[in-house]
PDB file of all heavy atoms in Angstrom:
ATOM      1  N   TYR A   1       4.484  -6.931  -4.590  1.00  0.00           N
ATOM      2  CA  TYR A   1       4.816  -6.178  -5.803  1.00  0.00           C
ATOM      3  C   TYR A   1       3.673  -5.252  -6.181  1.00  0.00           C
ATOM      4  O   TYR A   1       2.511  -5.509  -5.872  1.00  0.00           O
ATOM      5  CB  TYR A   1       5.078  -7.137  -6.969  1.00  0.00           C
ATOM      6  CG  TYR A   1       6.176  -8.133  -6.734  1.00  0.00           C
ATOM      7  CD1 TYR A   1       5.886  -9.429  -6.301  1.00  0.00           C
ATOM      8  CD2 TYR A   1       7.509  -7.787  -6.938  1.00  0.00           C
ATOM      9  CE1 TYR A   1       6.891 -10.351  -6.082  1.00  0.00           C
ATOM     10  CE2 TYR A   1       8.522  -8.710  -6.724  1.00  0.00           C
ATOM     11  CZ  TYR A   1       8.203  -9.989  -6.291  1.00  0.00           C
ATOM     12  OH  TYR A   1       9.210 -10.895  -6.082  1.00  0.00           O
ATOM     13  N   LEU A   2       4.043  -4.192  -6.893  1.00  0.00           N
ATOM     14  CA  LEU A   2       3.061  -3.336  -7.527  1.00  0.00           C
ATOM     15  C   LEU A   2       3.523  -3.116  -8.953  1.00  0.00           C
ATOM     16  O   LEU A   2       4.505  -2.409  -9.180  1.00  0.00           O
ATOM     17  CB  LEU A   2       2.906  -1.995  -6.807  1.00  0.00           C
ATOM     18  CG  LEU A   2       1.810  -1.089  -7.360  1.00  0.00           C
ATOM     19  CD1 LEU A   2       0.429  -1.689  -7.078  1.00  0.00           C
ATOM     20  CD2 LEU A   2       1.915   0.314  -6.770  1.00  0.00           C
ATOM     21  N   HIS A   3       2.826  -3.748  -9.881  1.00  0.00           N
ATOM     22  CA  HIS A   3       3.159  -3.551 -11.289  1.00  0.00           C
ATOM     23  C   HIS A   3       2.300  -2.420 -11.823  1.00  0.00           C
ATOM     24  O   HIS A   3       1.071  -2.482 -11.757  1.00  0.00           O
ATOM     25  CB  HIS A   3       2.930  -4.832 -12.089  1.00  0.00           C
ATOM     26  CG  HIS A   3       3.383  -4.729 -13.506  1.00  0.00           C
ATOM     27  ND1 HIS A   3       2.571  -4.290 -14.531  1.00  0.00           N
ATOM     28  CD2 HIS A   3       4.594  -4.969 -14.063  1.00  0.00           C
ATOM     29  CE1 HIS A   3       3.258  -4.283 -15.648  1.00  0.00           C
ATOM     30  NE2 HIS A   3       4.488  -4.693 -15.401  1.00  0.00           N
ATOM     31  N   MET A   4       2.956  -1.400 -12.370  1.00  0.00           N
ATOM     32  CA  MET A   4       2.279  -0.201 -12.836  1.00  0.00           C
ATOM     33  C   MET A   4       2.478  -0.059 -14.333  1.00  0.00           C
ATOM     34  O   MET A   4       3.612  -0.151 -14.820  1.00  0.00           O
ATOM     35  CB  MET A   4       2.833   1.032 -12.125  1.00  0.00           C
ATOM     36  CG  MET A   4       2.814   0.906 -10.598  1.00  0.00           C
ATOM     37  SD  MET A   4       3.421   2.380  -9.759  1.00  0.00           S
ATOM     38  CE  MET A   4       5.144   2.340 -10.232  1.00  0.00           C
ATOM     39  N   SER A   5       1.404   0.168 -15.054  1.00  0.00           N
ATOM     40  CA  SER A   5       1.489   0.359 -16.495  1.00  0.00           C
ATOM     41  C   SER A   5       0.671   1.578 -16.908  1.00  0.00           C
ATOM     42  O   SER A   5      -0.098   2.114 -16.111  1.00  0.00           O
ATOM     43  CB  SER A   5       1.014  -0.887 -17.230  1.00  0.00           C
ATOM     44  OG  SER A   5      -0.337  -1.152 -16.924  1.00  0.00           O
ATOM     45  N   SER A   6       0.847   1.994 -18.151  1.00  0.00           N
ATOM     46  CA  SER A   6       0.154   3.181 -18.673  1.00  0.00           C
ATOM     47  C   SER A   6       0.314   4.361 -17.721  1.00  0.00           C
ATOM     48  O   SER A   6      -0.651   5.078 -17.429  1.00  0.00           O
ATOM     49  CB  SER A   6      -1.328   2.879 -18.911  1.00  0.00           C
ATOM     50  OG  SER A   6      -1.491   1.822 -19.820  1.00  0.00           O
ATOM     51  N   LEU A   7       1.519   4.568 -17.269  1.00  0.00           N
ATOM     52  CA  LEU A   7       1.777   5.613 -16.281  1.00  0.00           C
ATOM     53  C   LEU A   7       1.610   6.993 -16.896  1.00  0.00           C
ATOM     54  O   LEU A   7       1.907   7.214 -18.079  1.00  0.00           O
ATOM     55  CB  LEU A   7       3.175   5.448 -15.707  1.00  0.00           C
ATOM     56  CG  LEU A   7       3.328   4.268 -14.732  1.00  0.00           C
ATOM     57  CD1 LEU A   7       4.797   3.890 -14.558  1.00  0.00           C
ATOM     58  CD2 LEU A   7       2.705   4.600 -13.388  1.00  0.00           C
ATOM     59  N   ASN A   8       1.141   7.915 -16.066  1.00  0.00           N
ATOM     60  CA  ASN A   8       1.003   9.304 -16.486  1.00  0.00           C
ATOM     61  C   ASN A   8       1.534  10.212 -15.390  1.00  0.00           C
ATOM     62  O   ASN A   8       1.886   9.751 -14.289  1.00  0.00           O
ATOM     63  CB  ASN A   8      -0.452   9.620 -16.820  1.00  0.00           C
ATOM     64  CG  ASN A   8      -1.398   9.332 -15.678  1.00  0.00           C
ATOM     65  OD1 ASN A   8      -1.279   9.944 -14.609  1.00  0.00           O
ATOM     66  ND2 ASN A   8      -2.332   8.415 -15.874  1.00  0.00           N
ATOM     67  N   ALA A   9       1.585  11.489 -15.672  1.00  0.00           N
ATOM     68  CA  ALA A   9       2.203  12.448 -14.748  1.00  0.00           C
ATOM     69  C   ALA A   9       1.512  12.444 -13.380  1.00  0.00           C
ATOM     70  O   ALA A   9       2.149  12.700 -12.348  1.00  0.00           O
ATOM     71  CB  ALA A   9       2.180  13.842 -15.344  1.00  0.00           C
ATOM     72  N   GLU A  10       0.228  12.158 -13.367  1.00  0.00           N
ATOM     73  CA  GLU A  10      -0.523  12.150 -12.099  1.00  0.00           C
ATOM     74  C   GLU A  10      -0.120  10.990 -11.193  1.00  0.00           C
ATOM     75  O   GLU A  10      -0.492  10.965 -10.007  1.00  0.00           O
ATOM     76  CB  GLU A  10      -2.026  12.090 -12.373  1.00  0.00           C
ATOM     77  CG  GLU A  10      -2.635  13.385 -12.913  1.00  0.00           C
ATOM     78  CD  GLU A  10      -2.181  13.690 -14.324  1.00  0.00           C
ATOM     79  OE1 GLU A  10      -2.119  12.740 -15.152  1.00  0.00           O
ATOM     80  OE2 GLU A  10      -1.879  14.869 -14.613  1.00  0.00           O
ATOM     81  N   ASP A  11       0.624  10.036 -11.721  1.00  0.00           N
ATOM     82  CA  ASP A  11       1.117   8.914 -10.902  1.00  0.00           C
ATOM     83  C   ASP A  11       2.431   9.248 -10.203  1.00  0.00           C
ATOM     84  O   ASP A  11       2.923   8.440  -9.412  1.00  0.00           O
ATOM     85  CB  ASP A  11       1.306   7.672 -11.772  1.00  0.00           C
ATOM     86  CG  ASP A  11       0.005   7.171 -12.372  1.00  0.00           C
ATOM     87  OD1 ASP A  11      -1.004   7.110 -11.640  1.00  0.00           O
ATOM     88  OD2 ASP A  11      -0.003   6.847 -13.578  1.00  0.00           O
ATOM     89  N   THR A  12       2.995  10.406 -10.495  1.00  0.00           N
ATOM     90  CA  THR A  12       4.241  10.820  -9.849  1.00  0.00           C
ATOM     91  C   THR A  12       4.013  11.011  -8.352  1.00  0.00           C
ATOM     92  O   THR A  12       3.133  11.770  -7.947  1.00  0.00           O
ATOM     93  CB  THR A  12       4.763  12.122 -10.466  1.00  0.00           C
ATOM     94  OG1 THR A  12       5.120  11.873 -11.824  1.00  0.00           O
ATOM     95  CG2 THR A  12       5.969  12.639  -9.697  1.00  0.00           C
ATOM     96  N   ALA A  13       4.792  10.305  -7.546  1.00  0.00           N
ATOM     97  CA  ALA A  13       4.623  10.357  -6.089  1.00  0.00           C
ATOM     98  C   ALA A  13       5.693   9.491  -5.434  1.00  0.00           C
ATOM     99  O   ALA A  13       6.407   8.736  -6.120  1.00  0.00           O
ATOM    100  CB  ALA A  13       3.251   9.846  -5.681  1.00  0.00           C
ATOM    101  N   VAL A  14       5.783   9.605  -4.128  1.00  0.00           N
ATOM    102  CA  VAL A  14       6.533   8.628  -3.349  1.00  0.00           C
ATOM    103  C   VAL A  14       5.570   7.487  -3.026  1.00  0.00           C
ATOM    104  O   VAL A  14       4.468   7.733  -2.515  1.00  0.00           O
ATOM    105  CB  VAL A  14       7.095   9.235  -2.059  1.00  0.00           C
ATOM    106  CG1 VAL A  14       7.822   8.155  -1.239  1.00  0.00           C
ATOM    107  CG2 VAL A  14       8.052  10.381  -2.375  1.00  0.00           C
ATOM    108  N   TYR A  15       5.992   6.286  -3.338  1.00  0.00           N
ATOM    109  CA  TYR A  15       5.153   5.112  -3.117  1.00  0.00           C
ATOM    110  C   TYR A  15       5.635   4.359  -1.880  1.00  0.00           C
ATOM    111  O   TYR A  15       6.832   4.077  -1.746  1.00  0.00           O
ATOM    112  CB  TYR A  15       5.187   4.197  -4.340  1.00  0.00           C
ATOM    113  CG  TYR A  15       4.333   4.705  -5.475  1.00  0.00           C
ATOM    114  CD1 TYR A  15       4.716   5.825  -6.203  1.00  0.00           C
ATOM    115  CD2 TYR A  15       3.126   4.096  -5.792  1.00  0.00           C
ATOM    116  CE1 TYR A  15       3.916   6.325  -7.220  1.00  0.00           C
ATOM    117  CE2 TYR A  15       2.326   4.579  -6.817  1.00  0.00           C
ATOM    118  CZ  TYR A  15       2.734   5.689  -7.529  1.00  0.00           C
ATOM    119  OH  TYR A  15       1.933   6.179  -8.544  1.00  0.00           O
ATOM    120  N   TYR A  16       4.682   4.041  -1.017  1.00  0.00           N
ATOM    121  CA  TYR A  16       4.975   3.353   0.228  1.00  0.00           C
ATOM    122  C   TYR A  16       4.260   2.005   0.273  1.00  0.00           C
ATOM    123  O   TYR A  16       3.089   1.913  -0.114  1.00  0.00           O
ATOM    124  CB  TYR A  16       4.485   4.166   1.423  1.00  0.00           C
ATOM    125  CG  TYR A  16       5.108   5.523   1.573  1.00  0.00           C
ATOM    126  CD1 TYR A  16       4.561   6.649   0.949  1.00  0.00           C
ATOM    127  CD2 TYR A  16       6.257   5.699   2.350  1.00  0.00           C
ATOM    128  CE1 TYR A  16       5.128   7.897   1.088  1.00  0.00           C
ATOM    129  CE2 TYR A  16       6.833   6.956   2.499  1.00  0.00           C
ATOM    130  CZ  TYR A  16       6.262   8.050   1.868  1.00  0.00           C
ATOM    131  OH  TYR A  16       6.833   9.284   2.019  1.00  0.00           O
ATOM    132  N   CYS A  17       4.946   0.995   0.761  1.00  0.00           N
ATOM    133  CA  CYS A  17       4.248  -0.243   1.057  1.00  0.00           C
ATOM    134  C   CYS A  17       3.960  -0.292   2.550  1.00  0.00           C
ATOM    135  O   CYS A  17       4.662   0.333   3.355  1.00  0.00           O
ATOM    136  CB  CYS A  17       5.008  -1.479   0.602  1.00  0.00           C
ATOM    137  SG  CYS A  17       6.470  -1.895   1.548  1.00  0.00           S
ATOM    138  N   ALA A  18       2.915  -1.015   2.891  1.00  0.00           N
ATOM    139  CA  ALA A  18       2.470  -1.106   4.274  1.00  0.00           C
ATOM    140  C   ALA A  18       2.002  -2.529   4.557  1.00  0.00           C
ATOM    141  O   ALA A  18       1.572  -3.240   3.644  1.00  0.00           O
ATOM    142  CB  ALA A  18       1.339  -0.120   4.532  1.00  0.00           C
ATOM    143  N   ALA A  19       2.082  -2.913   5.830  1.00  0.00           N
ATOM    144  CA  ALA A  19       1.686  -4.262   6.232  1.00  0.00           C
ATOM    145  C   ALA A  19       0.911  -4.214   7.539  1.00  0.00           C
ATOM    146  O   ALA A  19       1.156  -3.358   8.397  1.00  0.00           O
ATOM    147  CB  ALA A  19       2.933  -5.142   6.400  1.00  0.00           C
ATOM    148  N   ASP A  20      -0.022  -5.143   7.659  1.00  0.00           N
ATOM    149  CA  ASP A  20      -0.761  -5.270   8.914  1.00  0.00           C
ATOM    150  C   ASP A  20      -1.072  -6.745   9.158  1.00  0.00           C
ATOM    151  O   ASP A  20      -1.437  -7.471   8.227  1.00  0.00           O
ATOM    152  CB  ASP A  20      -2.054  -4.459   8.867  1.00  0.00           C
ATOM    153  CG  ASP A  20      -2.615  -4.230  10.246  1.00  0.00           C
ATOM    154  OD1 ASP A  20      -1.984  -3.471  11.015  1.00  0.00           O
ATOM    155  OD2 ASP A  20      -3.665  -4.811  10.562  1.00  0.00           O
ATOM    156  N   LEU A  21      -0.929  -7.147  10.415  1.00  0.00           N
ATOM    157  CA  LEU A  21      -1.161  -8.551  10.780  1.00  0.00           C
ATOM    158  C   LEU A  21      -2.653  -8.808  10.805  1.00  0.00           C
ATOM    159  O   LEU A  21      -3.341  -8.469  11.785  1.00  0.00           O
ATOM    160  CB  LEU A  21      -0.527  -8.848  12.142  1.00  0.00           C
ATOM    161  CG  LEU A  21      -0.684 -10.278  12.653  1.00  0.00           C
ATOM    162  CD1 LEU A  21      -0.059 -11.272  11.677  1.00  0.00           C
ATOM    163  CD2 LEU A  21      -0.037 -10.419  14.021  1.00  0.00           C
ATOM    164  N   ALA A  22      -3.178  -9.349   9.705  1.00  0.00           N
ATOM    165  CA  ALA A  22      -4.613  -9.541   9.589  1.00  0.00           C
ATOM    166  C   ALA A  22      -5.064 -10.964   9.896  1.00  0.00           C
ATOM    167  O   ALA A  22      -6.204 -11.188  10.236  1.00  0.00           O
ATOM    168  CB  ALA A  22      -5.063  -9.166   8.177  1.00  0.00           C
ATOM    169  N   PHE A  23      -4.136 -11.929   9.741  1.00  0.00           N
ATOM    170  CA  PHE A  23      -4.475 -13.343   9.965  1.00  0.00           C
ATOM    171  C   PHE A  23      -5.104 -13.523  11.331  1.00  0.00           C
ATOM    172  O   PHE A  23      -4.619 -12.990  12.320  1.00  0.00           O
ATOM    173  CB  PHE A  23      -3.200 -14.176   9.864  1.00  0.00           C
ATOM    174  CG  PHE A  23      -3.407 -15.644  10.067  1.00  0.00           C
ATOM    175  CD1 PHE A  23      -3.726 -16.455   9.002  1.00  0.00           C
ATOM    176  CD2 PHE A  23      -3.286 -16.216  11.326  1.00  0.00           C
ATOM    177  CE1 PHE A  23      -3.908 -17.814   9.173  1.00  0.00           C
ATOM    178  CE2 PHE A  23      -3.470 -17.565  11.518  1.00  0.00           C
ATOM    179  CZ  PHE A  23      -3.777 -18.361  10.453  1.00  0.00           C
ATOM    180  N   PRO A  24      -6.225 -14.293  11.450  1.00  0.00           N
ATOM    181  CA  PRO A  24      -6.866 -15.107  10.407  1.00  0.00           C
ATOM    182  C   PRO A  24      -7.969 -14.389   9.628  1.00  0.00           C
ATOM    183  O   PRO A  24      -8.567 -14.985   8.736  1.00  0.00           O
ATOM    184  CB  PRO A  24      -7.464 -16.252  11.220  1.00  0.00           C
ATOM    185  CG  PRO A  24      -7.859 -15.603  12.505  1.00  0.00           C
ATOM    186  CD  PRO A  24      -6.784 -14.580  12.784  1.00  0.00           C
ATOM    187  N   MET A  25      -8.244 -13.118   9.930  1.00  0.00           N
ATOM    188  CA  MET A  25      -9.290 -12.407   9.188  1.00  0.00           C
ATOM    189  C   MET A  25      -8.805 -12.100   7.778  1.00  0.00           C
ATOM    190  O   MET A  25      -7.805 -11.395   7.597  1.00  0.00           O
ATOM    191  CB  MET A  25      -9.652 -11.117   9.909  1.00  0.00           C
ATOM    192  CG  MET A  25     -10.260 -11.344  11.287  1.00  0.00           C
ATOM    193  SD  MET A  25     -10.689  -9.788  12.071  1.00  0.00           S
ATOM    194  CE  MET A  25      -9.060  -9.069  12.296  1.00  0.00           C
ATOM    195  N   ASN A  26      -9.502 -12.588   6.799  1.00  0.00           N
ATOM    196  CA  ASN A  26      -9.092 -12.411   5.407  1.00  0.00           C
ATOM    197  C   ASN A  26      -9.735 -11.143   4.846  1.00  0.00           C
ATOM    198  O   ASN A  26     -10.637 -11.195   4.015  1.00  0.00           O
ATOM    199  CB  ASN A  26      -9.500 -13.640   4.601  1.00  0.00           C
ATOM    200  CG  ASN A  26      -8.687 -13.769   3.326  1.00  0.00           C
ATOM    201  OD1 ASN A  26      -7.532 -13.368   3.269  1.00  0.00           O
ATOM    202  ND2 ASN A  26      -9.291 -14.347   2.305  1.00  0.00           N
ATOM    203  N   VAL A  27      -9.233  -9.996   5.316  1.00  0.00           N
ATOM    204  CA  VAL A  27      -9.853  -8.721   4.982  1.00  0.00           C
ATOM    205  C   VAL A  27      -8.949  -7.893   4.091  1.00  0.00           C
ATOM    206  O   VAL A  27      -7.755  -8.171   3.939  1.00  0.00           O
ATOM    207  CB  VAL A  27     -10.175  -7.925   6.264  1.00  0.00           C
ATOM    208  CG1 VAL A  27     -11.179  -8.679   7.115  1.00  0.00           C
ATOM    209  CG2 VAL A  27      -8.906  -7.641   7.070  1.00  0.00           C
ATOM    210  N   LEU A  28      -9.542  -6.864   3.499  1.00  0.00           N
ATOM    211  CA  LEU A  28      -8.818  -5.861   2.734  1.00  0.00           C
ATOM    212  C   LEU A  28      -8.938  -4.538   3.484  1.00  0.00           C
ATOM    213  O   LEU A  28     -10.007  -4.214   3.992  1.00  0.00           O
ATOM    214  CB  LEU A  28      -9.409  -5.720   1.330  1.00  0.00           C
ATOM    215  CG  LEU A  28      -9.229  -6.919   0.399  1.00  0.00           C
ATOM    216  CD1 LEU A  28     -10.123  -6.785  -0.831  1.00  0.00           C
ATOM    217  CD2 LEU A  28      -7.776  -7.046  -0.024  1.00  0.00           C
ATOM    218  N   LEU A  29      -7.866  -3.782   3.538  1.00  0.00           N
ATOM    219  CA  LEU A  29      -7.860  -2.505   4.230  1.00  0.00           C
ATOM    220  C   LEU A  29      -7.397  -1.420   3.285  1.00  0.00           C
ATOM    221  O   LEU A  29      -6.338  -1.547   2.670  1.00  0.00           O
ATOM    222  CB  LEU A  29      -6.942  -2.561   5.454  1.00  0.00           C
ATOM    223  CG  LEU A  29      -7.314  -3.578   6.533  1.00  0.00           C
ATOM    224  CD1 LEU A  29      -6.237  -3.623   7.604  1.00  0.00           C
ATOM    225  CD2 LEU A  29      -8.670  -3.248   7.130  1.00  0.00           C
ATOM    226  N   THR A  30      -8.186  -0.336   3.188  1.00  0.00           N
ATOM    227  CA  THR A  30      -7.836   0.751   2.281  1.00  0.00           C
ATOM    228  C   THR A  30      -7.463   2.033   3.011  1.00  0.00           C
ATOM    229  O   THR A  30      -7.073   3.003   2.369  1.00  0.00           O
ATOM    230  CB  THR A  30      -9.003   1.036   1.327  1.00  0.00           C
ATOM    231  OG1 THR A  30     -10.137   1.444   2.110  1.00  0.00           O
ATOM    232  CG2 THR A  30      -9.371  -0.185   0.511  1.00  0.00           C
ATOM    233  N   SER A  31      -7.561   2.038   4.327  1.00  0.00           N
ATOM    234  CA  SER A  31      -7.225   3.223   5.105  1.00  0.00           C
ATOM    235  C   SER A  31      -5.794   3.125   5.619  1.00  0.00           C
ATOM    236  O   SER A  31      -5.403   2.110   6.197  1.00  0.00           O
ATOM    237  CB  SER A  31      -8.169   3.367   6.290  1.00  0.00           C
ATOM    238  OG  SER A  31      -7.739   4.404   7.154  1.00  0.00           O
ATOM    239  N   ALA A  32      -5.044   4.189   5.452  1.00  0.00           N
ATOM    240  CA  ALA A  32      -3.650   4.197   5.895  1.00  0.00           C
ATOM    241  C   ALA A  32      -3.532   3.993   7.402  1.00  0.00           C
ATOM    242  O   ALA A  32      -2.580   3.372   7.882  1.00  0.00           O
ATOM    243  CB  ALA A  32      -2.968   5.502   5.483  1.00  0.00           C
ATOM    244  N   THR A  33      -4.508   4.483   8.138  1.00  0.00           N
ATOM    245  CA  THR A  33      -4.447   4.378   9.592  1.00  0.00           C
ATOM    246  C   THR A  33      -4.600   2.940  10.082  1.00  0.00           C
ATOM    247  O   THR A  33      -4.307   2.637  11.233  1.00  0.00           O
ATOM    248  CB  THR A  33      -5.526   5.252  10.246  1.00  0.00           C
ATOM    249  OG1 THR A  33      -6.822   4.838   9.758  1.00  0.00           O
ATOM    250  CG2 THR A  33      -5.311   6.720   9.924  1.00  0.00           C
ATOM    251  N   ALA A  34      -5.057   2.055   9.213  1.00  0.00           N
ATOM    252  CA  ALA A  34      -5.259   0.656   9.599  1.00  0.00           C
ATOM    253  C   ALA A  34      -3.978  -0.154   9.553  1.00  0.00           C
ATOM    254  O   ALA A  34      -3.923  -1.257  10.095  1.00  0.00           O
ATOM    255  CB  ALA A  34      -6.306   0.016   8.691  1.00  0.00           C
ATOM    256  N   TYR A  35      -2.944   0.349   8.926  1.00  0.00           N
ATOM    257  CA  TYR A  35      -1.699  -0.381   8.747  1.00  0.00           C
ATOM    258  C   TYR A  35      -0.692  -0.030   9.839  1.00  0.00           C
ATOM    259  O   TYR A  35      -0.470   1.149  10.133  1.00  0.00           O
ATOM    260  CB  TYR A  35      -1.093  -0.088   7.379  1.00  0.00           C
ATOM    261  CG  TYR A  35      -1.858  -0.722   6.250  1.00  0.00           C
ATOM    262  CD1 TYR A  35      -2.996  -0.113   5.723  1.00  0.00           C
ATOM    263  CD2 TYR A  35      -1.445  -1.931   5.700  1.00  0.00           C
ATOM    264  CE1 TYR A  35      -3.708  -0.702   4.698  1.00  0.00           C
ATOM    265  CE2 TYR A  35      -2.145  -2.518   4.656  1.00  0.00           C
ATOM    266  CZ  TYR A  35      -3.271  -1.901   4.170  1.00  0.00           C
ATOM    267  OH  TYR A  35      -3.971  -2.491   3.142  1.00  0.00           O
ATOM    268  N   GLU A  36      -0.071  -1.048  10.384  1.00  0.00           N
ATOM    269  CA  GLU A  36       0.867  -0.835  11.490  1.00  0.00           C
ATOM    270  C   GLU A  36       2.294  -0.563  11.014  1.00  0.00           C
ATOM    271  O   GLU A  36       3.005   0.209  11.640  1.00  0.00           O
ATOM    272  CB  GLU A  36       0.868  -2.044  12.425  1.00  0.00           C
ATOM    273  CG  GLU A  36       1.782  -1.883  13.643  1.00  0.00           C
ATOM    274  CD  GLU A  36       1.659  -3.010  14.632  1.00  0.00           C
ATOM    275  OE1 GLU A  36       0.868  -3.943  14.379  1.00  0.00           O
ATOM    276  OE2 GLU A  36       2.351  -2.962  15.667  1.00  0.00           O
ATOM    277  N   PHE A  37       2.689  -1.219   9.942  1.00  0.00           N
ATOM    278  CA  PHE A  37       4.091  -1.141   9.523  1.00  0.00           C
ATOM    279  C   PHE A  37       4.201  -0.486   8.145  1.00  0.00           C
ATOM    280  O   PHE A  37       3.389  -0.762   7.257  1.00  0.00           O
ATOM    281  CB  PHE A  37       4.706  -2.541   9.494  1.00  0.00           C
ATOM    282  CG  PHE A  37       4.650  -3.241  10.830  1.00  0.00           C
ATOM    283  CD1 PHE A  37       3.706  -4.225  11.070  1.00  0.00           C
ATOM    284  CD2 PHE A  37       5.533  -2.890  11.841  1.00  0.00           C
ATOM    285  CE1 PHE A  37       3.643  -4.861  12.293  1.00  0.00           C
ATOM    286  CE2 PHE A  37       5.476  -3.530  13.069  1.00  0.00           C
ATOM    287  CZ  PHE A  37       4.529  -4.501  13.306  1.00  0.00           C
ATOM    288  N   TRP A  38       5.263   0.323   7.981  1.00  0.00           N
ATOM    289  CA  TRP A  38       5.458   1.082   6.750  1.00  0.00           C
ATOM    290  C   TRP A  38       6.903   1.021   6.305  1.00  0.00           C
ATOM    291  O   TRP A  38       7.825   0.969   7.131  1.00  0.00           O
ATOM    292  CB  TRP A  38       5.067   2.549   6.968  1.00  0.00           C
ATOM    293  CG  TRP A  38       3.609   2.732   7.159  1.00  0.00           C
ATOM    294  CD1 TRP A  38       2.901   2.587   8.313  1.00  0.00           C
ATOM    295  CD2 TRP A  38       2.658   3.073   6.152  1.00  0.00           C
ATOM    296  NE1 TRP A  38       1.559   2.814   8.086  1.00  0.00           N
ATOM    297  CE2 TRP A  38       1.385   3.130   6.769  1.00  0.00           C
ATOM    298  CE3 TRP A  38       2.755   3.355   4.782  1.00  0.00           C
ATOM    299  CZ2 TRP A  38       0.235   3.441   6.063  1.00  0.00           C
ATOM    300  CZ3 TRP A  38       1.601   3.664   4.081  1.00  0.00           C
ATOM    301  CH2 TRP A  38       0.355   3.708   4.724  1.00  0.00           C
ATOM    302  N   GLY A  39       7.082   1.073   4.983  1.00  0.00           N
ATOM    303  CA  GLY A  39       8.413   1.218   4.438  1.00  0.00           C
ATOM    304  C   GLY A  39       8.794   2.687   4.359  1.00  0.00           C
ATOM    305  O   GLY A  39       8.006   3.568   4.722  1.00  0.00           O
ATOM    306  N   GLN A  40      10.003   2.936   3.852  1.00  0.00           N
ATOM    307  CA  GLN A  40      10.524   4.301   3.800  1.00  0.00           C
ATOM    308  C   GLN A  40      10.094   5.033   2.532  1.00  0.00           C
ATOM    309  O   GLN A  40      10.247   6.245   2.436  1.00  0.00           O
ATOM    310  CB  GLN A  40      12.057   4.280   3.887  1.00  0.00           C
ATOM    311  CG  GLN A  40      12.782   3.992   2.572  1.00  0.00           C
ATOM    312  CD  GLN A  40      12.642   2.550   2.110  1.00  0.00           C
ATOM    313  OE1 GLN A  40      12.194   1.680   2.845  1.00  0.00           O
ATOM    314  NE2 GLN A  40      13.037   2.299   0.859  1.00  0.00           N
ATOM    315  N   GLY A  41       9.569   4.294   1.566  1.00  0.00           N
ATOM    316  CA  GLY A  41       9.088   4.906   0.337  1.00  0.00           C
ATOM    317  C   GLY A  41      10.091   4.864  -0.794  1.00  0.00           C
ATOM    318  O   GLY A  41      11.302   4.829  -0.564  1.00  0.00           O
TER     319      GLY A  41
END
């Protein structure tokens, strides 16, 4: 889930979720190129 509050015009966009098989490394990834799977938005 992504709960969004106090939204403003700058938040207008197509939002995509992404997934990557990270187990067992408990890491965080902020680069889009690091994610293998994507939704349609």
